[in-house]
Amino acid sequence: MSRVGLHLRVPWTSDSLVRMPKRHASRSFLLIAASVAAAAALCAQGQAPPALPKLEKIKDDLYLIANSDVTPEAMRYWGGNITVLLTKDGPILIDAKYARAHDDVVAKVKSLSDKPIKYVVLTHNHGDHSEGAPALEAMGATVIISNDDRENMARAPNPTWLPQVAFIGQSRLYLGGKELQLMQYRGHTRGDTVVYFPASRVIVLGDLLTTSDLMPPIVNYGDGGNWTDWTASINEILKMDFEYAIPGHGPMVTKAQVAAIRDKFVAIQQRVRVLNREKKTQEEVSSTLMNEFHWAPANNIPGMIQELR
């Protein structure tokens, strides 16, 4: 018997969220549109798509579907990581990549289990992690997301699909003798879902953590993310008993590596506060961060300057 339990306690919240102009709210959906356009351009130019994603074994019952090509084109074409948990009653997927990956994802899961996919847990609302979910739901899977990120989906222009199951704060999912702990945090978005496998001591962080040089960690201000909450969330996550962390993009890392990434971005935030006090311009802030940390995404610097005054 499978069960989804709902609990009404959010692990960490903050009043420090910086309210950004409404024009930022559609940024994630513009990125999705850009990805679709990029894929169409590949086809129009007669270029072959990036290599199919690869299947990697993490534990006996835990697998990762990750991009084979470490290129911007592969990330824009296929999307983020998918984690697969095998149970005797059917697989559970964490995230769903872009819709164009559907056939390959289903084939890879079928190579591991003859049972239908039972659940898809979305770490957040962005299309590179969620766009493939409707087709999996159409096959019979139940899709779960945090209520806050479901609301982010609902705010999209003319949404065509929304998950039917959402949770607030914490939830537990039990299937085939396996347990998943779902916890809502705030950082990349206002409702990031972290999935913890206690038996394996593995945690899935979605885009709260990215480990690819092509896509370093960022927050999405338009969807309620911010660096102050990101730091507090990672601090809380590091108190948990896990050995490995699976990011939204990039290879799996150890707990010590998560802490090192946290330390880097704490230092970046401290540097921005100093630069703010020195009345540096946006261009000067970007240049300093690139020179000192090799990080200065254009879509984060304006919001970071406003947040960290």
C-alpha atoms as a PDB file:
ATOM      1  CA  MET A   1       0.000   0.000   0.000  1.00  0.00           C
ATOM      2  CA  SER A   2       1.464   3.325  -1.013  1.00  0.00           C
ATOM      3  CA  ARG A   3       0.749   6.467   0.945  1.00  0.00           C
ATOM      4  CA  VAL A   4       1.390  10.149   0.587  1.00  0.00           C
ATOM      5  CA  GLY A   5       1.336  11.912   3.941  1.00  0.00           C
ATOM      6  CA  LEU A   6       0.940  15.664   4.230  1.00  0.00           C
ATOM      7  CA  HIS A   7       2.465  17.644   7.064  1.00  0.00           C
ATOM      8  CA  LEU A   8       2.044  21.369   7.536  1.00  0.00           C
ATOM      9  CA  ARG A   9       5.445  22.498   8.777  1.00  0.00           C
ATOM     10  CA  VAL A  10       7.897  24.327   6.561  1.00  0.00           C
ATOM     11  CA  PRO A  11      11.519  23.613   7.592  1.00  0.00           C
ATOM     12  CA  TRP A  12      12.710  27.178   7.080  1.00  0.00           C
ATOM     13  CA  THR A  13      11.183  30.441   5.950  1.00  0.00           C
ATOM     14  CA  SER A  14      12.320  34.016   5.949  1.00  0.00           C
ATOM     15  CA  ASP A  15      10.839  37.478   5.707  1.00  0.00           C
ATOM     16  CA  SER A  16      13.948  38.584   3.873  1.00  0.00           C
ATOM     17  CA  LEU A  17      12.607  37.827   0.385  1.00  0.00           C
ATOM     18  CA  VAL A  18      13.196  40.739  -1.933  1.00  0.00           C
ATOM     19  CA  ARG A  19      10.115  41.565  -3.961  1.00  0.00           C
ATOM     20  CA  MET A  20      11.124  41.924  -7.576  1.00  0.00           C
ATOM     21  CA  PRO A  21       9.113  43.604 -10.341  1.00  0.00           C
ATOM     22  CA  LYS A  22       6.376  41.475 -11.888  1.00  0.00           C
ATOM     23  CA  ARG A  23       8.161  41.448 -15.221  1.00  0.00           C
ATOM     24  CA  HIS A  24      10.644  38.924 -13.722  1.00  0.00           C
ATOM     25  CA  ALA A  25       7.865  36.420 -12.947  1.00  0.00           C
ATOM     26  CA  SER A  26       7.762  35.111 -16.501  1.00  0.00           C
ATOM     27  CA  ARG A  27      11.538  34.740 -16.814  1.00  0.00           C
ATOM     28  CA  SER A  28      11.537  30.979 -16.288  1.00  0.00           C
ATOM     29  CA  PHE A  29       8.901  30.544 -18.957  1.00  0.00           C
ATOM     30  CA  LEU A  30      10.890  32.679 -21.371  1.00  0.00           C
ATOM     31  CA  LEU A  31      13.832  30.363 -20.735  1.00  0.00           C
ATOM     32  CA  ILE A  32      11.613  27.380 -21.614  1.00  0.00           C
ATOM     33  CA  ALA A  33      10.549  29.112 -24.822  1.00  0.00           C
ATOM     34  CA  ALA A  34      14.201  29.826 -25.623  1.00  0.00           C
ATOM     35  CA  SER A  35      15.027  26.148 -25.142  1.00  0.00           C
ATOM     36  CA  VAL A  36      12.241  25.087 -27.496  1.00  0.00           C
ATOM     37  CA  ALA A  37      13.447  27.620 -30.037  1.00  0.00           C
ATOM     38  CA  ALA A  38      17.015  26.336 -29.726  1.00  0.00           C
ATOM     39  CA  ALA A  39      15.847  22.777 -30.359  1.00  0.00           C
ATOM     40  CA  ALA A  40      13.843  23.905 -33.375  1.00  0.00           C
ATOM     41  CA  ALA A  41      16.897  25.728 -34.690  1.00  0.00           C
ATOM     42  CA  LEU A  42      18.965  22.545 -34.472  1.00  0.00           C
ATOM     43  CA  CYS A  43      16.369  20.701 -36.528  1.00  0.00           C
ATOM     44  CA  ALA A  44      16.079  23.540 -39.032  1.00  0.00           C
ATOM     45  CA  GLN A  45      19.838  23.567 -39.520  1.00  0.00           C
ATOM     46  CA  GLY A  46      19.898  19.813 -40.032  1.00  0.00           C
ATOM     47  CA  GLN A  47      22.096  19.320 -36.972  1.00  0.00           C
ATOM     48  CA  ALA A  48      21.868  16.099 -35.011  1.00  0.00           C
ATOM     49  CA  PRO A  49      20.547  16.536 -31.453  1.00  0.00           C
ATOM     50  CA  PRO A  50      22.943  15.996 -28.555  1.00  0.00           C
ATOM     51  CA  ALA A  51      23.691  12.425 -27.529  1.00  0.00           C
ATOM     52  CA  LEU A  52      20.977  10.669 -25.570  1.00  0.00           C
ATOM     53  CA  PRO A  53      21.210  10.918 -21.765  1.00  0.00           C
ATOM     54  CA  LYS A  54      23.043   8.164 -19.937  1.00  0.00           C
ATOM     55  CA  LEU A  55      21.891   5.845 -17.147  1.00  0.00           C
ATOM     56  CA  GLU A  56      24.161   5.650 -14.090  1.00  0.00           C
ATOM     57  CA  LYS A  57      23.828   3.306 -11.114  1.00  0.00           C
ATOM     58  CA  ILE A  58      24.108   4.976  -7.704  1.00  0.00           C
ATOM     59  CA  LYS A  59      22.915   2.162  -5.434  1.00  0.00           C
ATOM     60  CA  ASP A  60      21.252  -1.195  -6.117  1.00  0.00           C
ATOM     61  CA  ASP A  61      17.829   0.472  -6.246  1.00  0.00           C
ATOM     62  CA  LEU A  62      18.842   4.023  -7.180  1.00  0.00           C
ATOM     63  CA  TYR A  63      19.806   5.329 -10.621  1.00  0.00           C
ATOM     64  CA  LEU A  64      20.541   8.644 -12.302  1.00  0.00           C
ATOM     65  CA  ILE A  65      19.520   9.700 -15.815  1.00  0.00           C
ATOM     66  CA  ALA A  66      22.030  12.412 -16.684  1.00  0.00           C
ATOM     67  CA  ASN A  67      23.118  14.164 -19.861  1.00  0.00           C
ATOM     68  CA  SER A  68      25.896  12.376 -21.735  1.00  0.00           C
ATOM     69  CA  ASP A  69      27.224  15.514 -23.395  1.00  0.00           C
ATOM     70  CA  VAL A  70      28.570  18.159 -21.050  1.00  0.00           C
ATOM     71  CA  THR A  71      27.618  21.020 -23.344  1.00  0.00           C
ATOM     72  CA  PRO A  72      25.211  23.978 -23.216  1.00  0.00           C
ATOM     73  CA  GLU A  73      23.346  22.441 -26.155  1.00  0.00           C
ATOM     74  CA  ALA A  74      22.694  19.191 -24.255  1.00  0.00           C
ATOM     75  CA  MET A  75      21.478  21.057 -21.180  1.00  0.00           C
ATOM     76  CA  ARG A  76      19.140  23.208 -23.253  1.00  0.00           C
ATOM     77  CA  TYR A  77      17.925  20.225 -25.258  1.00  0.00           C
ATOM     78  CA  TRP A  78      17.400  17.498 -22.623  1.00  0.00           C
ATOM     79  CA  GLY A  79      17.109  19.395 -19.321  1.00  0.00           C
ATOM     80  CA  GLY A  80      18.178  18.428 -15.819  1.00  0.00           C
ATOM     81  CA  ASN A  81      18.925  15.210 -13.936  1.00  0.00           C
ATOM     82  CA  ILE A  82      16.335  12.519 -13.193  1.00  0.00           C
ATOM     83  CA  THR A  83      16.735  10.223 -10.175  1.00  0.00           C
ATOM     84  CA  VAL A  84      15.028   6.816 -10.349  1.00  0.00           C
ATOM     85  CA  LEU A  85      14.150   4.788  -7.240  1.00  0.00           C
ATOM     86  CA  LEU A  86      13.137   1.177  -7.871  1.00  0.00           C
ATOM     87  CA  THR A  87      10.523  -0.466  -5.647  1.00  0.00           C
ATOM     88  CA  LYS A  88       8.678  -3.771  -5.933  1.00  0.00           C
ATOM     89  CA  ASP A  89       5.480  -1.822  -6.657  1.00  0.00           C
ATOM     90  CA  GLY A  90       6.962   0.382  -9.359  1.00  0.00           C
ATOM     91  CA  PRO A  91       9.586   3.072  -9.969  1.00  0.00           C
ATOM     92  CA  ILE A  92       9.522   6.592  -8.557  1.00  0.00           C
ATOM     93  CA  LEU A  93      11.123   9.403 -10.569  1.00  0.00           C
ATOM     94  CA  ILE A  94      12.494  12.652  -9.212  1.00  0.00           C
ATOM     95  CA  ASP A  95      12.065  15.223 -12.010  1.00  0.00           C
ATOM     96  CA  ALA A  96      11.127  14.651 -15.631  1.00  0.00           C
ATOM     97  CA  LYS A  97      13.462  16.562 -17.998  1.00  0.00           C
ATOM     98  CA  TYR A  98      12.050  18.273 -21.098  1.00  0.00           C
ATOM     99  CA  ALA A  99       9.150  16.631 -22.920  1.00  0.00           C
ATOM    100  CA  ARG A 100      11.357  15.635 -25.867  1.00  0.00           C
ATOM    101  CA  ALA A 101      13.255  13.259 -23.558  1.00  0.00           C
ATOM    102  CA  HIS A 102      10.091  11.256 -22.765  1.00  0.00           C
ATOM    103  CA  ASP A 103      10.639   8.210 -24.986  1.00  0.00           C
ATOM    104  CA  ASP A 104      14.251   7.815 -23.906  1.00  0.00           C
ATOM    105  CA  VAL A 105      13.414   8.263 -20.219  1.00  0.00           C
ATOM    106  CA  VAL A 106      10.646   5.659 -20.403  1.00  0.00           C
ATOM    107  CA  ALA A 107      12.927   3.232 -22.242  1.00  0.00           C
ATOM    108  CA  LYS A 108      15.649   3.614 -19.632  1.00  0.00           C
ATOM    109  CA  VAL A 109      13.210   3.077 -16.764  1.00  0.00           C
ATOM    110  CA  LYS A 110      11.783  -0.002 -18.512  1.00  0.00           C
ATOM    111  CA  SER A 111      15.312  -1.415 -18.741  1.00  0.00           C
ATOM    112  CA  LEU A 112      15.352  -1.371 -14.927  1.00  0.00           C
ATOM    113  CA  SER A 113      11.795  -2.440 -14.059  1.00  0.00           C
ATOM    114  CA  ASP A 114       8.815  -4.069 -15.744  1.00  0.00           C
ATOM    115  CA  LYS A 115       6.472  -2.132 -13.429  1.00  0.00           C
ATOM    116  CA  PRO A 116       4.807   1.139 -14.510  1.00  0.00           C
ATOM    117  CA  ILE A 117       6.121   4.412 -13.115  1.00  0.00           C
ATOM    118  CA  LYS A 118       4.056   5.164  -9.999  1.00  0.00           C
ATOM    119  CA  TYR A 119       5.144   8.629  -8.910  1.00  0.00           C
ATOM    120  CA  VAL A 120       7.027  11.616 -10.295  1.00  0.00           C
ATOM    121  CA  VAL A 121       8.237  14.122  -7.694  1.00  0.00           C
ATOM    122  CA  LEU A 122       9.181  17.503  -9.136  1.00  0.00           C
ATOM    123  CA  THR A 123      11.911  19.436  -7.367  1.00  0.00           C
ATOM    124  CA  HIS A 124      10.528  22.700  -8.782  1.00  0.00           C
ATOM    125  CA  ASN A 125       8.464  24.209 -11.555  1.00  0.00           C
ATOM    126  CA  HIS A 126      11.054  25.028 -14.232  1.00  0.00           C
ATOM    127  CA  GLY A 127      10.544  23.332 -17.580  1.00  0.00           C
ATOM    128  CA  ASP A 128      13.940  21.631 -17.781  1.00  0.00           C
ATOM    129  CA  HIS A 129      12.791  19.559 -14.783  1.00  0.00           C
ATOM    130  CA  SER A 130       9.001  19.483 -15.179  1.00  0.00           C
ATOM    131  CA  GLU A 131       8.032  19.695 -18.845  1.00  0.00           C
ATOM    132  CA  GLY A 132       8.127  15.910 -19.248  1.00  0.00           C
ATOM    133  CA  ALA A 133       5.739  15.318 -16.329  1.00  0.00           C
ATOM    134  CA  PRO A 134       2.374  15.566 -18.162  1.00  0.00           C
ATOM    135  CA  ALA A 135       3.257  12.674 -20.488  1.00  0.00           C
ATOM    136  CA  LEU A 136       4.315  10.551 -17.507  1.00  0.00           C
ATOM    137  CA  GLU A 137       1.041  11.400 -15.773  1.00  0.00           C
ATOM    138  CA  ALA A 138      -0.818  10.346 -18.923  1.00  0.00           C
ATOM    139  CA  MET A 139       0.843   6.926 -18.525  1.00  0.00           C
ATOM    140  CA  GLY A 140      -0.603   6.620 -15.012  1.00  0.00           C
ATOM    141  CA  ALA A 141       2.023   8.223 -12.774  1.00  0.00           C
ATOM    142  CA  THR A 142       1.001  10.572  -9.963  1.00  0.00           C
ATOM    143  CA  VAL A 143       2.927  13.849 -10.102  1.00  0.00           C
ATOM    144  CA  ILE A 144       3.788  15.635  -6.832  1.00  0.00           C
ATOM    145  CA  ILE A 145       5.181  19.141  -6.323  1.00  0.00           C
ATOM    146  CA  SER A 146       5.276  21.684  -3.508  1.00  0.00           C
ATOM    147  CA  ASN A 147       2.200  23.882  -3.371  1.00  0.00           C
ATOM    148  CA  ASP A 148       4.279  27.039  -3.782  1.00  0.00           C
ATOM    149  CA  ASP A 149       5.883  25.822  -6.981  1.00  0.00           C
ATOM    150  CA  ARG A 150       2.525  24.583  -8.252  1.00  0.00           C
ATOM    151  CA  GLU A 151       1.381  28.172  -7.797  1.00  0.00           C
ATOM    152  CA  ASN A 152       4.441  29.294  -9.761  1.00  0.00           C
ATOM    153  CA  MET A 153       3.268  27.017 -12.567  1.00  0.00           C
ATOM    154  CA  ALA A 154      -0.251  28.421 -12.350  1.00  0.00           C
ATOM    155  CA  ARG A 155       1.088  31.964 -12.801  1.00  0.00           C
ATOM    156  CA  ALA A 156       2.530  31.067 -16.200  1.00  0.00           C
ATOM    157  CA  PRO A 157       0.771  32.608 -19.191  1.00  0.00           C
ATOM    158  CA  ASN A 158      -2.042  30.232 -20.192  1.00  0.00           C
ATOM    159  CA  PRO A 159      -0.908  27.146 -18.257  1.00  0.00           C
ATOM    160  CA  THR A 160      -2.064  23.950 -19.959  1.00  0.00           C
ATOM    161  CA  TRP A 161      -1.307  21.489 -17.144  1.00  0.00           C
ATOM    162  CA  LEU A 162      -0.841  21.465 -13.379  1.00  0.00           C
ATOM    163  CA  PRO A 163       0.060  18.602 -11.016  1.00  0.00           C
ATOM    164  CA  GLN A 164      -2.915  17.198  -9.108  1.00  0.00           C
ATOM    165  CA  VAL A 165      -1.009  16.542  -5.879  1.00  0.00           C
ATOM    166  CA  ALA A 166       0.841  19.222  -3.905  1.00  0.00           C
ATOM    167  CA  PHE A 167       2.259  19.381  -0.401  1.00  0.00           C
ATOM    168  CA  ILE A 168       3.105  22.117   2.087  1.00  0.00           C
ATOM    169  CA  GLY A 169       6.223  21.923   4.221  1.00  0.00           C
ATOM    170  CA  GLN A 170       6.924  18.200   4.515  1.00  0.00           C
ATOM    171  CA  SER A 171       5.543  14.931   3.205  1.00  0.00           C
ATOM    172  CA  ARG A 172       6.397  11.238   3.201  1.00  0.00           C
ATOM    173  CA  LEU A 173       5.981   8.814   0.328  1.00  0.00           C
ATOM    174  CA  TYR A 174       5.949   5.074   1.012  1.00  0.00           C
ATOM    175  CA  LEU A 175       5.899   2.544  -1.803  1.00  0.00           C
ATOM    176  CA  GLY A 176       6.988  -1.082  -2.008  1.00  0.00           C
ATOM    177  CA  GLY A 177       8.757  -0.971   1.349  1.00  0.00           C
ATOM    178  CA  LYS A 178      10.740   2.151   0.438  1.00  0.00           C
ATOM    179  CA  GLU A 179      10.523   5.589   2.085  1.00  0.00           C
ATOM    180  CA  LEU A 180      11.072   9.013   0.568  1.00  0.00           C
ATOM    181  CA  GLN A 181      11.080  12.158   2.662  1.00  0.00           C
ATOM    182  CA  LEU A 182       9.926  15.292   0.846  1.00  0.00           C
ATOM    183  CA  MET A 183      10.904  18.643   2.339  1.00  0.00           C
ATOM    184  CA  GLN A 184      10.120  22.112   1.081  1.00  0.00           C
ATOM    185  CA  TYR A 185      12.820  24.769   1.169  1.00  0.00           C
ATOM    186  CA  ARG A 186      13.319  28.166  -0.395  1.00  0.00           C
ATOM    187  CA  GLY A 187      16.307  29.325  -2.390  1.00  0.00           C
ATOM    188  CA  HIS A 188      16.276  28.638  -6.119  1.00  0.00           C
ATOM    189  CA  THR A 189      12.479  29.166  -6.028  1.00  0.00           C
ATOM    190  CA  ARG A 190       9.970  29.789  -3.238  1.00  0.00           C
ATOM    191  CA  GLY A 191       9.072  26.094  -3.048  1.00  0.00           C
ATOM    192  CA  ASP A 192      12.068  23.882  -3.811  1.00  0.00           C
ATOM    193  CA  THR A 193      11.455  20.217  -3.001  1.00  0.00           C
ATOM    194  CA  VAL A 194      14.332  18.242  -1.514  1.00  0.00           C
ATOM    195  CA  VAL A 195      13.969  14.445  -1.607  1.00  0.00           C
ATOM    196  CA  TYR A 196      15.828  12.337   0.939  1.00  0.00           C
ATOM    197  CA  PHE A 197      16.294   8.563   0.694  1.00  0.00           C
ATOM    198  CA  PRO A 198      17.089   7.577   4.307  1.00  0.00           C
ATOM    199  CA  ALA A 199      17.956   3.956   3.506  1.00  0.00           C
ATOM    200  CA  SER A 200      20.574   5.045   0.956  1.00  0.00           C
ATOM    201  CA  ARG A 201      21.686   8.263   2.680  1.00  0.00           C
ATOM    202  CA  VAL A 202      21.305  10.059  -0.646  1.00  0.00           C
ATOM    203  CA  ILE A 203      19.566  13.404  -1.090  1.00  0.00           C
ATOM    204  CA  VAL A 204      18.223  15.061  -4.252  1.00  0.00           C
ATOM    205  CA  LEU A 205      18.457  18.854  -4.186  1.00  0.00           C
ATOM    206  CA  GLY A 206      17.153  19.936  -7.588  1.00  0.00           C
ATOM    207  CA  ASP A 207      18.464  23.357  -8.571  1.00  0.00           C
ATOM    208  CA  LEU A 208      19.210  24.323  -4.997  1.00  0.00           C
ATOM    209  CA  LEU A 209      22.479  22.734  -6.068  1.00  0.00           C
ATOM    210  CA  THR A 210      24.119  22.568  -9.479  1.00  0.00           C
ATOM    211  CA  THR A 211      27.610  21.173  -9.971  1.00  0.00           C
ATOM    212  CA  SER A 212      28.192  21.771 -13.671  1.00  0.00           C
ATOM    213  CA  ASP A 213      30.541  24.579 -14.697  1.00  0.00           C
ATOM    214  CA  LEU A 214      28.079  25.258 -17.512  1.00  0.00           C
ATOM    215  CA  MET A 215      25.302  26.013 -15.032  1.00  0.00           C
ATOM    216  CA  PRO A 216      26.586  27.201 -11.656  1.00  0.00           C
ATOM    217  CA  PRO A 217      24.107  27.771  -8.825  1.00  0.00           C
ATOM    218  CA  ILE A 218      21.694  30.671  -9.331  1.00  0.00           C
ATOM    219  CA  VAL A 219      18.436  31.779  -7.758  1.00  0.00           C
ATOM    220  CA  ASN A 220      15.277  32.697  -9.630  1.00  0.00           C
ATOM    221  CA  TYR A 221      13.990  35.928  -8.114  1.00  0.00           C
ATOM    222  CA  GLY A 222      10.872  35.908 -10.292  1.00  0.00           C
ATOM    223  CA  ASP A 223       9.814  32.547  -8.834  1.00  0.00           C
ATOM    224  CA  GLY A 224      10.499  33.586  -5.240  1.00  0.00           C
ATOM    225  CA  GLY A 225      14.100  32.499  -4.830  1.00  0.00           C
ATOM    226  CA  ASN A 226      16.796  34.536  -3.096  1.00  0.00           C
ATOM    227  CA  TRP A 227      20.316  34.068  -1.755  1.00  0.00           C
ATOM    228  CA  THR A 228      19.521  34.702   1.890  1.00  0.00           C
ATOM    229  CA  ASP A 229      17.056  31.825   1.966  1.00  0.00           C
ATOM    230  CA  TRP A 230      19.315  29.689  -0.223  1.00  0.00           C
ATOM    231  CA  THR A 231      22.060  29.916   2.376  1.00  0.00           C
ATOM    232  CA  ALA A 232      19.733  29.140   5.277  1.00  0.00           C
ATOM    233  CA  SER A 233      18.267  26.182   3.370  1.00  0.00           C
ATOM    234  CA  ILE A 234      21.650  24.663   2.544  1.00  0.00           C
ATOM    235  CA  ASN A 235      22.721  25.149   6.168  1.00  0.00           C
ATOM    236  CA  GLU A 236      19.679  23.165   7.304  1.00  0.00           C
ATOM    237  CA  ILE A 237      20.216  20.474   4.674  1.00  0.00           C
ATOM    238  CA  LEU A 238      23.828  20.021   5.785  1.00  0.00           C
ATOM    239  CA  LYS A 239      22.550  19.047   9.235  1.00  0.00           C
ATOM    240  CA  MET A 240      20.955  15.946   7.696  1.00  0.00           C
ATOM    241  CA  ASP A 241      22.588  12.513   7.566  1.00  0.00           C
ATOM    242  CA  PHE A 242      23.474  12.014   3.909  1.00  0.00           C
ATOM    243  CA  GLU A 243      26.528  10.775   2.056  1.00  0.00           C
ATOM    244  CA  TYR A 244      25.839  11.979  -1.473  1.00  0.00           C
ATOM    245  CA  ALA A 245      23.816  14.796  -3.005  1.00  0.00           C
ATOM    246  CA  ILE A 246      22.301  14.716  -6.498  1.00  0.00           C
ATOM    247  CA  PRO A 247      22.097  18.193  -8.054  1.00  0.00           C
ATOM    248  CA  GLY A 248      19.662  19.542 -10.614  1.00  0.00           C
ATOM    249  CA  HIS A 249      22.485  19.680 -13.183  1.00  0.00           C
ATOM    250  CA  GLY A 250      25.912  18.112 -13.073  1.00  0.00           C
ATOM    251  CA  PRO A 251      27.468  15.117 -11.336  1.00  0.00           C
ATOM    252  CA  MET A 252      26.638  13.786  -7.885  1.00  0.00           C
ATOM    253  CA  VAL A 253      28.791  15.184  -5.056  1.00  0.00           C
ATOM    254  CA  THR A 254      29.654  14.363  -1.463  1.00  0.00           C
ATOM    255  CA  LYS A 255      28.345  16.167   1.600  1.00  0.00           C
ATOM    256  CA  ALA A 256      31.730  17.849   2.006  1.00  0.00           C
ATOM    257  CA  GLN A 257      31.493  19.179  -1.538  1.00  0.00           C
ATOM    258  CA  VAL A 258      28.031  20.612  -0.828  1.00  0.00           C
ATOM    259  CA  ALA A 259      29.519  22.432   2.162  1.00  0.00           C
ATOM    260  CA  ALA A 260      32.333  23.798  -0.022  1.00  0.00           C
ATOM    261  CA  ILE A 261      29.821  25.141  -2.560  1.00  0.00           C
ATOM    262  CA  ARG A 262      27.854  26.727   0.295  1.00  0.00           C
ATOM    263  CA  ASP A 263      31.025  28.391   1.561  1.00  0.00           C
ATOM    264  CA  LYS A 264      31.811  29.823  -1.866  1.00  0.00           C
ATOM    265  CA  PHE A 265      28.401  31.412  -2.244  1.00  0.00           C
ATOM    266  CA  VAL A 266      28.417  32.756   1.290  1.00  0.00           C
ATOM    267  CA  ALA A 267      31.687  34.466   0.381  1.00  0.00           C
ATOM    268  CA  ILE A 268      30.118  35.831  -2.801  1.00  0.00           C
ATOM    269  CA  GLN A 269      27.218  37.274  -0.831  1.00  0.00           C
ATOM    270  CA  GLN A 270      29.572  38.874   1.679  1.00  0.00           C
ATOM    271  CA  ARG A 271      31.563  40.392  -1.176  1.00  0.00           C
ATOM    272  CA  VAL A 272      28.422  41.886  -2.732  1.00  0.00           C
ATOM    273  CA  ARG A 273      27.503  43.485   0.596  1.00  0.00           C
ATOM    274  CA  VAL A 274      30.933  45.124   0.748  1.00  0.00           C
ATOM    275  CA  LEU A 275      30.666  46.296  -2.867  1.00  0.00           C
ATOM    276  CA  ASN A 276      27.227  47.736  -2.114  1.00  0.00           C
ATOM    277  CA  ARG A 277      28.641  49.699   0.797  1.00  0.00           C
ATOM    278  CA  GLU A 278      31.334  51.007  -1.558  1.00  0.00           C
ATOM    279  CA  LYS A 279      28.584  52.177  -3.971  1.00  0.00           C
ATOM    280  CA  LYS A 280      29.950  50.099  -6.834  1.00  0.00           C
ATOM    281  CA  THR A 281      27.988  49.970 -10.081  1.00  0.00           C
ATOM    282  CA  GLN A 282      26.383  46.811 -11.415  1.00  0.00           C
ATOM    283  CA  GLU A 283      29.141  46.517 -13.994  1.00  0.00           C
ATOM    284  CA  GLU A 284      31.802  46.847 -11.290  1.00  0.00           C
ATOM    285  CA  VAL A 285      30.082  44.233  -9.126  1.00  0.00           C
ATOM    286  CA  SER A 286      29.895  41.806 -12.060  1.00  0.00           C
ATOM    287  CA  SER A 287      33.530  42.369 -12.973  1.00  0.00           C
ATOM    288  CA  THR A 288      34.705  41.854  -9.387  1.00  0.00           C
ATOM    289  CA  LEU A 289      32.731  38.637  -8.927  1.00  0.00           C
ATOM    290  CA  MET A 290      33.972  37.243 -12.210  1.00  0.00           C
ATOM    291  CA  ASN A 291      37.580  38.068 -11.397  1.00  0.00           C
ATOM    292  CA  GLU A 292      37.471  36.753  -7.837  1.00  0.00           C
ATOM    293  CA  PHE A 293      34.950  33.876  -8.049  1.00  0.00           C
ATOM    294  CA  HIS A 294      34.513  33.150 -11.782  1.00  0.00           C
ATOM    295  CA  TRP A 295      30.780  33.679 -11.275  1.00  0.00           C
ATOM    296  CA  ALA A 296      28.631  36.589 -12.431  1.00  0.00           C
ATOM    297  CA  PRO A 297      25.399  35.484 -14.160  1.00  0.00           C
ATOM    298  CA  ALA A 298      23.645  38.490 -15.639  1.00  0.00           C
ATOM    299  CA  ASN A 299      20.234  37.251 -14.494  1.00  0.00           C
ATOM    300  CA  ASN A 300      21.300  37.251 -10.823  1.00  0.00           C
ATOM    301  CA  ILE A 301      23.477  40.317 -10.313  1.00  0.00           C
ATOM    302  CA  PRO A 302      20.754  43.031 -10.306  1.00  0.00           C
ATOM    303  CA  GLY A 303      18.586  41.137  -7.822  1.00  0.00           C
ATOM    304  CA  MET A 304      21.560  40.219  -5.676  1.00  0.00           C
ATOM    305  CA  ILE A 305      22.610  43.877  -5.445  1.00  0.00           C
ATOM    306  CA  GLN A 306      19.097  44.797  -4.335  1.00  0.00           C
ATOM    307  CA  GLU A 307      18.784  41.894  -1.901  1.00  0.00           C
ATOM    308  CA  LEU A 308      22.173  42.272  -0.225  1.00  0.00           C
ATOM    309  CA  ARG A 309      22.226  45.998   0.504  1.00  0.00           C
END
